[in-house]
């Protein structure tokens, strides 16, 4: 991918992405009424997040437009975050039976929003602090 394409993709993003190491996403495709849904299902590594969505690696192709329920587990924080989301893109990982999948949040509860904000601020603080230490 050339730098011009990357620049155009970066311009499309409304929210900056941040890595969330050692974290997992459990997703399911909803089939129950919304008030009965609890995300469970496939466990996937979390690649990165933003205030508007996240990226994870799945061994299943999820078509764009598919609605999913997500449970995000971040070991540095107690508890979990639950989101409803829509698949925006899914791309095959070369030479592996895996897909990088990007989703956009469509719904989140107040507690999950608060945790997401805390994680984002914590990672931004650590990143700024690490940059200050560099000579």
C-alpha atoms as a PDB file:
ATOM      1  CA  UNK A   1       0.000   0.000   0.000  1.00  0.00           C
ATOM      2  CA  UNK A   2       1.515   3.330  -1.004  1.00  0.00           C
ATOM      3  CA  UNK A   3       1.680   6.432   1.196  1.00  0.00           C
ATOM      4  CA  UNK A   4      -1.030   8.283  -0.752  1.00  0.00           C
ATOM      5  CA  UNK A   5      -3.559   5.497  -0.076  1.00  0.00           C
ATOM      6  CA  UNK A   6      -2.594   5.405   3.613  1.00  0.00           C
ATOM      7  CA  UNK A   7      -3.028   9.174   3.891  1.00  0.00           C
ATOM      8  CA  UNK A   8      -6.520   8.968   2.367  1.00  0.00           C
ATOM      9  CA  UNK A   9      -7.490   6.186   4.809  1.00  0.00           C
ATOM     10  CA  UNK A  10      -6.175   8.178   7.771  1.00  0.00           C
ATOM     11  CA  UNK A  11      -8.240  11.188   6.659  1.00  0.00           C
ATOM     12  CA  UNK A  12     -11.401   9.034   6.654  1.00  0.00           C
ATOM     13  CA  UNK A  13     -11.015   8.125  10.306  1.00  0.00           C
ATOM     14  CA  UNK A  14     -13.008  10.209  12.727  1.00  0.00           C
ATOM     15  CA  UNK A  15     -11.309   8.749  15.809  1.00  0.00           C
ATOM     16  CA  UNK A  16      -7.603   8.005  16.355  1.00  0.00           C
ATOM     17  CA  UNK A  17      -6.769   4.338  16.850  1.00  0.00           C
ATOM     18  CA  UNK A  18      -4.779   3.040  19.788  1.00  0.00           C
ATOM     19  CA  UNK A  19      -3.318  -0.399  20.510  1.00  0.00           C
ATOM     20  CA  UNK A  20      -4.669  -2.394  23.447  1.00  0.00           C
ATOM     21  CA  UNK A  21      -2.068  -5.119  24.122  1.00  0.00           C
ATOM     22  CA  UNK A  22      -3.009  -8.568  25.407  1.00  0.00           C
ATOM     23  CA  UNK A  23      -6.719  -7.959  24.947  1.00  0.00           C
ATOM     24  CA  UNK A  24      -9.472 -10.121  23.491  1.00  0.00           C
ATOM     25  CA  UNK A  25     -12.789  -9.724  21.733  1.00  0.00           C
ATOM     26  CA  UNK A  26     -15.606 -12.239  21.886  1.00  0.00           C
ATOM     27  CA  UNK A  27     -18.138 -11.731  19.138  1.00  0.00           C
ATOM     28  CA  UNK A  28     -21.426 -13.223  18.125  1.00  0.00           C
ATOM     29  CA  UNK A  29     -23.906 -12.456  15.411  1.00  0.00           C
ATOM     30  CA  UNK A  30     -27.158 -11.535  17.129  1.00  0.00           C
ATOM     31  CA  UNK A  31     -30.090 -13.854  16.680  1.00  0.00           C
ATOM     32  CA  UNK A  32     -32.002 -13.081  19.880  1.00  0.00           C
ATOM     33  CA  UNK A  33     -33.996  -9.957  20.773  1.00  0.00           C
ATOM     34  CA  UNK A  34     -31.582  -7.186  21.772  1.00  0.00           C
ATOM     35  CA  UNK A  35     -32.464  -7.321  25.487  1.00  0.00           C
ATOM     36  CA  UNK A  36     -31.505 -11.037  25.643  1.00  0.00           C
ATOM     37  CA  UNK A  37     -28.200 -10.812  23.749  1.00  0.00           C
ATOM     38  CA  UNK A  38     -24.941 -11.406  25.532  1.00  0.00           C
ATOM     39  CA  UNK A  39     -21.838 -11.596  23.371  1.00  0.00           C
ATOM     40  CA  UNK A  40     -20.241 -14.999  23.547  1.00  0.00           C
ATOM     41  CA  UNK A  41     -18.726 -17.061  20.893  1.00  0.00           C
ATOM     42  CA  UNK A  42     -15.467 -16.832  19.070  1.00  0.00           C
ATOM     43  CA  UNK A  43     -12.484 -15.498  21.037  1.00  0.00           C
ATOM     44  CA  UNK A  44     -10.310 -13.197  18.907  1.00  0.00           C
ATOM     45  CA  UNK A  45      -7.204 -11.073  19.488  1.00  0.00           C
ATOM     46  CA  UNK A  46      -7.916  -7.344  19.613  1.00  0.00           C
ATOM     47  CA  UNK A  47      -5.651  -5.366  17.242  1.00  0.00           C
ATOM     48  CA  UNK A  48      -6.657  -1.802  18.092  1.00  0.00           C
ATOM     49  CA  UNK A  49      -9.547   0.391  19.184  1.00  0.00           C
ATOM     50  CA  UNK A  50     -10.866   3.906  18.849  1.00  0.00           C
ATOM     51  CA  UNK A  51     -13.821   5.778  20.284  1.00  0.00           C
ATOM     52  CA  UNK A  52     -15.785   4.706  17.207  1.00  0.00           C
ATOM     53  CA  UNK A  53     -14.838   1.078  16.653  1.00  0.00           C
ATOM     54  CA  UNK A  54     -12.201  -1.620  16.802  1.00  0.00           C
ATOM     55  CA  UNK A  55     -10.220  -4.124  14.743  1.00  0.00           C
ATOM     56  CA  UNK A  56      -9.767  -7.787  15.601  1.00  0.00           C
ATOM     57  CA  UNK A  57      -8.520 -10.979  13.968  1.00  0.00           C
ATOM     58  CA  UNK A  58     -11.042 -13.751  13.337  1.00  0.00           C
ATOM     59  CA  UNK A  59     -10.809 -17.144  11.664  1.00  0.00           C
ATOM     60  CA  UNK A  60     -14.216 -16.455  10.098  1.00  0.00           C
ATOM     61  CA  UNK A  61     -15.045 -14.005   7.324  1.00  0.00           C
ATOM     62  CA  UNK A  62     -17.665 -11.489   8.441  1.00  0.00           C
ATOM     63  CA  UNK A  63     -19.298  -9.637   5.557  1.00  0.00           C
ATOM     64  CA  UNK A  64     -19.574  -5.840   5.644  1.00  0.00           C
ATOM     65  CA  UNK A  65     -22.914  -4.745   7.051  1.00  0.00           C
ATOM     66  CA  UNK A  66     -23.226  -7.745   9.410  1.00  0.00           C
ATOM     67  CA  UNK A  67     -24.358  -6.768  12.900  1.00  0.00           C
ATOM     68  CA  UNK A  68     -22.325  -8.213  15.764  1.00  0.00           C
ATOM     69  CA  UNK A  69     -22.359  -8.166  19.548  1.00  0.00           C
ATOM     70  CA  UNK A  70     -18.943  -7.713  21.154  1.00  0.00           C
ATOM     71  CA  UNK A  71     -17.549  -8.386  24.580  1.00  0.00           C
ATOM     72  CA  UNK A  72     -14.091  -6.816  25.005  1.00  0.00           C
ATOM     73  CA  UNK A  73     -11.781  -8.017  27.759  1.00  0.00           C
ATOM     74  CA  UNK A  74      -8.822  -5.771  28.612  1.00  0.00           C
ATOM     75  CA  UNK A  75      -6.707  -7.400  31.371  1.00  0.00           C
ATOM     76  CA  UNK A  76      -5.454  -4.046  32.686  1.00  0.00           C
ATOM     77  CA  UNK A  77      -9.052  -3.163  33.645  1.00  0.00           C
ATOM     78  CA  UNK A  78     -11.445  -5.160  35.749  1.00  0.00           C
ATOM     79  CA  UNK A  79     -14.676  -6.101  34.126  1.00  0.00           C
ATOM     80  CA  UNK A  80     -15.646  -6.029  30.490  1.00  0.00           C
ATOM     81  CA  UNK A  81     -17.004  -3.732  27.839  1.00  0.00           C
ATOM     82  CA  UNK A  82     -20.026  -4.645  25.752  1.00  0.00           C
ATOM     83  CA  UNK A  83     -20.761  -3.103  22.371  1.00  0.00           C
ATOM     84  CA  UNK A  84     -23.118  -3.553  19.464  1.00  0.00           C
ATOM     85  CA  UNK A  85     -21.367  -2.969  16.160  1.00  0.00           C
ATOM     86  CA  UNK A  86     -21.554  -3.230  12.389  1.00  0.00           C
ATOM     87  CA  UNK A  87     -18.814  -4.824  10.269  1.00  0.00           C
ATOM     88  CA  UNK A  88     -17.253  -2.212   7.987  1.00  0.00           C
ATOM     89  CA  UNK A  89     -14.589  -4.381   6.345  1.00  0.00           C
ATOM     90  CA  UNK A  90     -12.993  -7.825   6.536  1.00  0.00           C
ATOM     91  CA  UNK A  91      -9.740  -8.731   4.776  1.00  0.00           C
ATOM     92  CA  UNK A  92      -7.964 -12.067   4.448  1.00  0.00           C
ATOM     93  CA  UNK A  93      -4.601 -12.298   6.224  1.00  0.00           C
ATOM     94  CA  UNK A  94      -2.103 -13.613   3.638  1.00  0.00           C
ATOM     95  CA  UNK A  95      -0.970 -17.226   4.145  1.00  0.00           C
ATOM     96  CA  UNK A  96      -3.217 -17.777   7.187  1.00  0.00           C
ATOM     97  CA  UNK A  97      -6.775 -18.892   7.828  1.00  0.00           C
ATOM     98  CA  UNK A  98      -7.612 -15.550   9.408  1.00  0.00           C
ATOM     99  CA  UNK A  99      -9.314 -12.253   8.635  1.00  0.00           C
ATOM    100  CA  UNK A 100      -8.680  -8.756   9.934  1.00  0.00           C
ATOM    101  CA  UNK A 101     -12.091  -7.299  10.665  1.00  0.00           C
ATOM    102  CA  UNK A 102     -12.985  -3.672  11.332  1.00  0.00           C
ATOM    103  CA  UNK A 103     -16.226  -2.751  13.068  1.00  0.00           C
ATOM    104  CA  UNK A 104     -17.996   0.479  13.908  1.00  0.00           C
ATOM    105  CA  UNK A 105     -19.779   0.772  17.257  1.00  0.00           C
ATOM    106  CA  UNK A 106     -23.519   1.295  16.947  1.00  0.00           C
ATOM    107  CA  UNK A 107     -24.397   1.067  20.639  1.00  0.00           C
ATOM    108  CA  UNK A 108     -22.624   0.974  23.988  1.00  0.00           C
ATOM    109  CA  UNK A 109     -23.732   1.339  27.558  1.00  0.00           C
ATOM    110  CA  UNK A 110     -22.544   4.164  29.813  1.00  0.00           C
ATOM    111  CA  UNK A 111     -20.132   1.924  31.748  1.00  0.00           C
ATOM    112  CA  UNK A 112     -18.439   0.654  28.567  1.00  0.00           C
ATOM    113  CA  UNK A 113     -18.127   4.217  27.222  1.00  0.00           C
ATOM    114  CA  UNK A 114     -16.494   5.323  30.472  1.00  0.00           C
ATOM    115  CA  UNK A 115     -14.019   2.412  30.423  1.00  0.00           C
ATOM    116  CA  UNK A 116     -13.172   3.067  26.775  1.00  0.00           C
ATOM    117  CA  UNK A 117     -12.441   6.734  27.566  1.00  0.00           C
ATOM    118  CA  UNK A 118     -10.259   5.725  30.519  1.00  0.00           C
ATOM    119  CA  UNK A 119      -8.275   3.233  28.433  1.00  0.00           C
ATOM    120  CA  UNK A 120      -7.781   5.783  25.641  1.00  0.00           C
ATOM    121  CA  UNK A 121      -6.523   8.435  28.086  1.00  0.00           C
ATOM    122  CA  UNK A 122      -4.255   5.960  29.871  1.00  0.00           C
ATOM    123  CA  UNK A 123      -2.646   4.792  26.628  1.00  0.00           C
ATOM    124  CA  UNK A 124      -2.241   8.401  25.406  1.00  0.00           C
ATOM    125  CA  UNK A 125      -0.557   9.293  28.727  1.00  0.00           C
ATOM    126  CA  UNK A 126       1.841   6.332  28.507  1.00  0.00           C
ATOM    127  CA  UNK A 127       2.662   7.136  24.873  1.00  0.00           C
ATOM    128  CA  UNK A 128       3.388  10.807  25.653  1.00  0.00           C
ATOM    129  CA  UNK A 129       5.513   9.824  28.635  1.00  0.00           C
ATOM    130  CA  UNK A 130       7.536   7.347  26.536  1.00  0.00           C
ATOM    131  CA  UNK A 131       8.130  10.010  23.856  1.00  0.00           C
ATOM    132  CA  UNK A 132       9.417  12.423  26.501  1.00  0.00           C
ATOM    133  CA  UNK A 133      12.025   9.870  27.647  1.00  0.00           C
ATOM    134  CA  UNK A 134      13.519   9.532  24.184  1.00  0.00           C
ATOM    135  CA  UNK A 135      16.754  11.514  23.644  1.00  0.00           C
END
